[in-house]
Protein backbone atom coordinates (compact mmCIF):
# COMPACT_ATOMS: atom_id res chain seq x y z
CA MET A 1 8.92 -10.10 -7.36
CA PRO A 2 9.53 -8.07 -4.18
CA GLU A 3 8.34 -8.13 -0.62
CA ILE A 4 5.59 -5.62 0.06
CA THR A 5 3.57 -4.41 3.04
CA VAL A 6 -0.21 -4.31 2.66
CA ALA A 7 -2.85 -2.88 5.01
CA THR A 8 -6.60 -3.58 4.79
CA VAL A 9 -8.71 -0.95 6.54
CA GLN A 10 -11.88 -1.90 8.40
CA MET A 11 -13.82 1.37 8.46
CA LEU A 12 -17.30 2.54 9.43
CA PRO A 13 -18.46 5.10 6.83
CA VAL A 14 -21.04 7.64 7.98
CA LEU A 15 -24.04 7.21 5.70
CA GLY A 16 -24.21 9.97 3.12
CA GLN A 17 -21.44 12.09 4.71
CA MET A 18 -18.72 12.12 2.06
CA GLU A 19 -16.54 14.84 3.54
CA GLU A 20 -16.47 13.15 6.93
CA ASN A 21 -15.63 9.79 5.36
CA LEU A 22 -12.84 11.24 3.23
CA ALA A 23 -11.37 12.93 6.30
CA LYS A 24 -11.42 9.63 8.18
CA MET A 25 -9.76 7.86 5.24
CA GLY A 26 -7.04 10.49 5.21
CA GLU A 27 -6.43 9.94 8.90
CA PHE A 28 -6.17 6.19 8.40
CA ILE A 29 -3.63 6.72 5.62
CA ARG A 30 -1.58 9.04 7.85
CA ARG A 31 -1.73 6.68 10.82
CA ILE A 32 -0.84 3.51 8.90
CA ALA A 33 1.93 5.09 6.83
CA THR A 34 3.61 6.70 9.85
CA GLU A 35 3.48 3.54 11.98
CA GLN A 36 5.42 1.44 9.42
CA PRO A 37 6.52 1.57 5.79
CA VAL A 38 3.58 0.43 3.66
CA ASP A 39 3.11 -0.11 -0.07
CA LEU A 40 -0.66 -0.52 -0.40
CA ILE A 41 -3.65 0.53 1.74
CA VAL A 42 -7.05 -0.99 0.90
CA PHE A 43 -10.40 0.53 1.94
CA PRO A 44 -13.88 -1.06 1.68
CA GLU A 45 -16.53 -0.84 -1.03
CA LEU A 46 -18.50 2.46 -1.23
CA VAL A 47 -16.41 3.79 1.64
CA THR A 48 -16.96 7.44 0.69
CA THR A 49 -20.77 7.26 0.98
CA GLY A 50 -21.92 4.18 2.86
CA TYR A 51 -24.10 1.45 1.34
CA GLU A 52 -27.79 2.37 1.71
CA VAL A 53 -27.73 5.82 0.13
CA GLY A 54 -30.45 4.84 -2.35
CA PRO A 55 -31.92 7.78 -4.30
CA ARG A 56 -29.07 10.05 -3.18
CA PHE A 57 -26.44 8.07 -5.10
CA PRO A 58 -26.80 10.27 -8.24
CA GLN A 59 -26.00 13.39 -6.18
CA MET A 60 -22.96 11.72 -4.62
CA ALA A 61 -21.54 10.13 -7.78
CA GLN A 62 -18.26 11.56 -9.08
CA ARG A 63 -16.15 11.22 -12.15
CA VAL A 64 -12.65 9.75 -12.06
CA PRO A 65 -10.61 11.74 -11.50
CA GLY A 66 -12.81 14.01 -9.42
CA PRO A 67 -12.84 15.67 -5.98
CA ALA A 68 -12.76 12.47 -3.88
CA VAL A 69 -10.09 10.81 -6.03
CA ASN A 70 -8.00 13.98 -6.07
CA LEU A 71 -8.15 14.29 -2.29
CA ILE A 72 -7.15 10.69 -1.63
CA GLY A 73 -4.56 11.00 -4.39
CA GLN A 74 -2.99 13.87 -2.48
CA ARG A 75 -2.89 11.76 0.70
CA ALA A 76 -1.33 8.88 -1.24
CA ALA A 77 1.33 11.21 -2.62
CA ASP A 78 1.98 12.72 0.83
CA TYR A 79 3.00 9.30 2.15
CA GLY A 80 4.17 7.57 -1.04
CA VAL A 81 1.64 4.72 -0.91
CA HIS A 82 -0.77 2.99 -3.25
CA VAL A 83 -4.41 3.33 -2.15
CA ALA A 84 -7.46 1.35 -3.32
CA PHE A 85 -10.94 2.48 -2.29
CA GLY A 86 -14.57 2.19 -3.31
CA LEU A 87 -16.96 4.95 -4.42
CA VAL A 88 -19.95 5.58 -6.66
CA THR A 89 -18.89 6.94 -10.05
CA LYS A 90 -20.50 8.38 -13.14
CA GLU A 91 -19.34 8.94 -16.68
CA ARG A 92 -20.52 11.35 -19.36
CA VAL A 93 -24.15 10.28 -19.05
CA GLU A 94 -25.15 11.59 -15.64
CA SER A 95 -27.81 8.94 -15.06
CA ILE A 96 -25.43 5.97 -15.48
CA LEU A 97 -23.79 5.10 -12.16
CA TYR A 98 -21.24 2.44 -11.22
CA ASN A 99 -20.15 0.85 -7.97
CA SER A 100 -16.44 1.34 -8.53
CA ALA A 101 -12.98 0.72 -7.12
CA VAL A 102 -10.12 3.08 -7.85
CA LEU A 103 -6.42 2.32 -7.50
CA ILE A 104 -4.16 5.32 -6.92
CA GLY A 105 -0.37 5.26 -7.18
CA PRO A 106 2.19 6.73 -4.77
CA ASP A 107 2.47 9.77 -7.03
CA GLY A 108 -1.21 10.52 -6.45
CA GLU A 109 -2.25 9.60 -9.99
CA VAL A 110 -4.99 7.13 -10.91
CA ILE A 111 -3.61 3.76 -12.00
CA GLY A 112 -6.98 2.24 -12.81
CA GLN A 113 -10.70 2.00 -12.19
CA TYR A 114 -12.84 -1.13 -11.97
CA ASN A 115 -16.66 -1.13 -12.12
CA LYS A 116 -18.36 -3.92 -10.15
CA ILE A 117 -19.70 -6.64 -12.43
CA HIS A 118 -21.77 -8.76 -10.04
CA LEU A 119 -24.42 -6.52 -8.50
CA ARG A 120 -26.46 -7.96 -5.66
CA GLY A 121 -30.05 -7.23 -4.61
CA GLU A 122 -30.97 -3.56 -4.60
CA GLU A 123 -27.61 -2.63 -6.12
CA ARG A 124 -29.16 -3.52 -9.47
CA MET A 125 -31.59 -0.61 -9.08
CA ALA A 126 -28.83 1.92 -8.39
CA PHE A 127 -25.94 0.85 -10.60
CA ARG A 128 -25.12 -0.41 -14.04
CA PRO A 129 -22.91 -3.54 -14.00
CA GLY A 130 -19.38 -3.27 -15.29
CA TYR A 131 -18.18 -5.66 -17.95
CA ARG A 132 -14.38 -5.60 -18.02
CA LEU A 133 -11.85 -7.39 -15.82
CA MET A 134 -8.38 -5.95 -16.16
CA PRO A 135 -5.46 -6.20 -13.72
CA PHE A 136 -3.27 -3.17 -13.14
CA GLU A 137 0.51 -2.84 -13.17
CA THR A 138 2.10 -1.24 -10.11
CA ASP A 139 5.65 -0.58 -8.97
CA PHE A 140 5.73 -3.90 -7.11
CA GLY A 141 3.55 -6.24 -9.18
CA VAL A 142 0.17 -6.81 -10.80
CA ILE A 143 -3.06 -6.16 -8.85
CA GLY A 144 -6.55 -7.41 -9.61
CA LEU A 145 -9.48 -5.45 -8.13
CA MET A 146 -12.71 -7.12 -7.01
CA ILE A 147 -15.76 -5.65 -5.28
CA GLY A 148 -18.12 -7.36 -2.86
CA TRP A 149 -20.15 -10.13 -4.46
CA ASP A 150 -17.51 -10.59 -7.19
CA LEU A 151 -15.78 -12.73 -4.58
CA ALA A 152 -18.52 -15.37 -4.87
CA PHE A 153 -17.75 -15.95 -8.56
CA PRO A 154 -14.53 -17.93 -9.06
CA GLU A 155 -14.41 -16.81 -12.71
CA VAL A 156 -13.52 -13.27 -11.60
CA ALA A 157 -10.45 -14.22 -9.59
CA ARG A 158 -9.31 -16.79 -12.15
CA SER A 159 -9.65 -14.33 -15.04
CA LEU A 160 -7.55 -11.73 -13.21
CA VAL A 161 -4.92 -14.32 -12.30
CA LEU A 162 -4.68 -15.65 -15.86
CA ASP A 163 -4.05 -12.05 -16.95
CA GLY A 164 -1.16 -11.78 -14.51
CA ALA A 165 -2.52 -10.77 -11.10
CA GLU A 166 -0.24 -11.69 -8.20
CA LEU A 167 -2.41 -9.99 -5.58
CA LEU A 168 -6.22 -9.87 -5.52
CA VAL A 169 -7.63 -6.84 -3.72
CA VAL A 170 -11.21 -7.19 -2.47
CA LEU A 171 -13.26 -4.16 -1.38
CA ALA A 172 -16.44 -5.27 0.36
CA ASN A 173 -19.63 -4.48 2.25
CA TRP A 174 -20.22 -8.07 3.41
CA GLU A 175 -23.01 -8.33 5.96
CA THR A 176 -24.07 -10.43 8.93
CA PRO A 177 -24.80 -13.38 9.12
CA ARG A 178 -22.56 -14.28 6.15
CA GLN A 179 -19.26 -14.49 8.04
CA GLU A 180 -18.63 -18.15 7.18
CA GLU A 181 -19.32 -17.47 3.52
CA TRP A 182 -16.84 -14.56 3.57
CA HIS A 183 -14.01 -16.61 5.08
CA THR A 184 -14.65 -19.59 2.82
CA TYR A 185 -14.58 -17.50 -0.36
CA LEU A 186 -11.42 -15.64 0.65
CA LYS A 187 -9.50 -18.83 1.33
CA ALA A 188 -10.88 -20.58 -1.74
CA ARG A 189 -9.86 -17.77 -4.09
CA ALA A 190 -6.35 -17.77 -2.58
CA TYR A 191 -5.94 -21.57 -2.68
CA GLU A 192 -7.39 -22.22 -6.12
CA ASN A 193 -5.29 -19.53 -7.79
CA ALA A 194 -2.12 -19.68 -5.65
CA VAL A 195 -2.43 -15.94 -5.10
CA PHE A 196 -2.42 -13.41 -2.26
CA VAL A 197 -5.81 -11.95 -1.30
CA ALA A 198 -6.11 -8.65 0.60
CA ALA A 199 -9.72 -7.99 1.62
CA ALA A 200 -11.18 -4.91 3.35
CA ASN A 201 -14.71 -5.28 4.72
CA ARG A 202 -16.55 -2.49 6.50
CA VAL A 203 -18.16 -2.48 9.95
CA GLY A 204 -21.17 -0.74 11.49
CA GLU A 205 -24.92 -0.66 10.99
CA GLU A 206 -27.21 0.87 8.40
CA PRO A 207 -31.03 0.65 8.27
CA SER A 208 -31.16 -2.85 6.77
CA TYR A 209 -27.69 -4.31 7.37
CA THR A 210 -25.04 -4.96 9.98
CA PHE A 211 -21.48 -5.35 8.67
CA PHE A 212 -19.01 -7.57 10.54
CA GLY A 213 -15.58 -6.62 9.20
CA GLN A 214 -13.13 -9.54 9.45
CA SER A 215 -10.79 -7.76 7.03
CA ALA A 216 -7.97 -10.15 6.20
CA ILE A 217 -4.80 -10.79 4.23
CA ILE A 218 -4.39 -14.39 3.04
CA GLY A 219 -1.50 -16.10 1.28
CA PRO A 220 -1.45 -18.51 -1.68
CA THR A 221 -1.31 -21.50 0.70
CA GLY A 222 -4.31 -20.26 2.68
CA HIS A 223 -2.19 -18.89 5.53
CA ILE A 224 -3.79 -15.89 7.26
CA HIS A 225 -1.11 -13.20 7.39
CA GLY A 226 -3.33 -10.65 9.09
CA ILE A 227 -6.93 -10.25 10.24
CA VAL A 228 -9.07 -7.84 12.26
CA ASP A 229 -10.97 -10.21 14.56
CA GLU A 230 -13.39 -7.75 16.18
CA PRO A 231 -16.22 -5.81 14.41
CA VAL A 232 -14.59 -2.45 15.14
CA GLU A 233 -12.64 0.10 13.13
CA GLY A 234 -9.02 -0.81 12.62
CA TYR A 235 -6.74 -2.44 10.09
CA ALA A 236 -4.78 -5.60 9.35
CA VAL A 237 -1.22 -5.24 8.09
CA ALA A 238 1.18 -7.85 6.74
CA ARG A 239 4.50 -8.17 4.99
CA LEU A 240 4.13 -10.35 1.89
CA ASP A 241 6.74 -12.07 -0.25
CA LEU A 242 5.24 -12.09 -3.75
CA ASN A 243 7.77 -14.73 -4.79
CA GLU A 244 5.58 -17.15 -2.83
CA VAL A 245 3.04 -16.89 -5.65
CA ARG A 246 5.50 -18.24 -8.21
CA ARG A 247 6.76 -20.95 -5.85
CA GLN A 248 3.27 -22.19 -5.02
CA ARG A 249 2.18 -22.24 -8.67
CA GLU A 250 5.29 -24.16 -9.69
CA GLU A 251 4.75 -26.68 -6.90
CA THR A 252 1.03 -27.29 -7.48
CA GLN A 253 0.88 -26.66 -11.25
CA ILE A 254 -2.60 -25.29 -10.53
CA LEU A 255 -2.62 -23.08 -13.61
CA GLN A 256 -0.51 -25.21 -15.93
CA CYS A 257 -2.77 -28.26 -15.50
CA ARG A 258 -5.96 -26.50 -16.50
CA GLN A 259 -7.98 -28.04 -19.37
CA PRO A 260 -9.89 -25.06 -20.86
CA MET A 261 -11.47 -27.08 -23.67
CA SER A 262 -13.40 -29.02 -21.03
CA TYR A 263 -14.83 -25.91 -19.37
CA ARG A 264 -17.09 -24.59 -22.14
CA ALA A 265 -20.19 -24.71 -19.93
CA ILE A 266 -18.69 -21.99 -17.73
CA VAL A 267 -19.28 -19.30 -20.35
CA ARG A 268 -22.88 -20.29 -21.06
CA LYS A 269 -25.42 -17.89 -19.57
CA TYR A 270 -27.59 -20.67 -18.09
């Protein structure tokens, strides 16, 4: 497994202004990719629209591929980078919407799409939950995508890791005052799976929420490789040795020593 450079973008989307947000994303891609070689750039959840769009989500939903994905795909191809970002998507039935993450390759093509499974609060009124967890193969390794509240459910990260993920990518709109919760979950998911976690959380205010950022890149031993400390736009960037995943798993035997037959209660609904 190679060394890679990952950047997690801490952005403030303008509520309901998709063109403006896409332009800002393109500028972040240009800036990051020209400052240093980079393999993957991660943007927050619902970065193309903002969070509290409410009844306007159906008008802003797009198919994959679609205009937003094609535009960011072009930027990814321009600079030869992988890009993960969040948006609201729809499929053939116009009224069915998903809170989604899309991973685009350095050729500008879509590698995969993940629909958020664990919807929180008013998200349940806007979106249908996804149901499938599937990691995606890239040029440098296997990526697992997670969105927002998925981070609170250890089953998500563990399922992706058992299916081969070496890097967990988290796209989030995590709000104040839940900073301690955010940091605890990020470190726990990295420790308990001996995996890298790259998390992009947005900043700024919307009518009901204030978002604190703290975008971070954490290693399989819990080491913080990069973090944006202030609640302002910016990005964290780190060089990661993916071989550390294998070394840490061999040392701790954290996956090999599992006893799945004892965990049957985990898959019960209540």
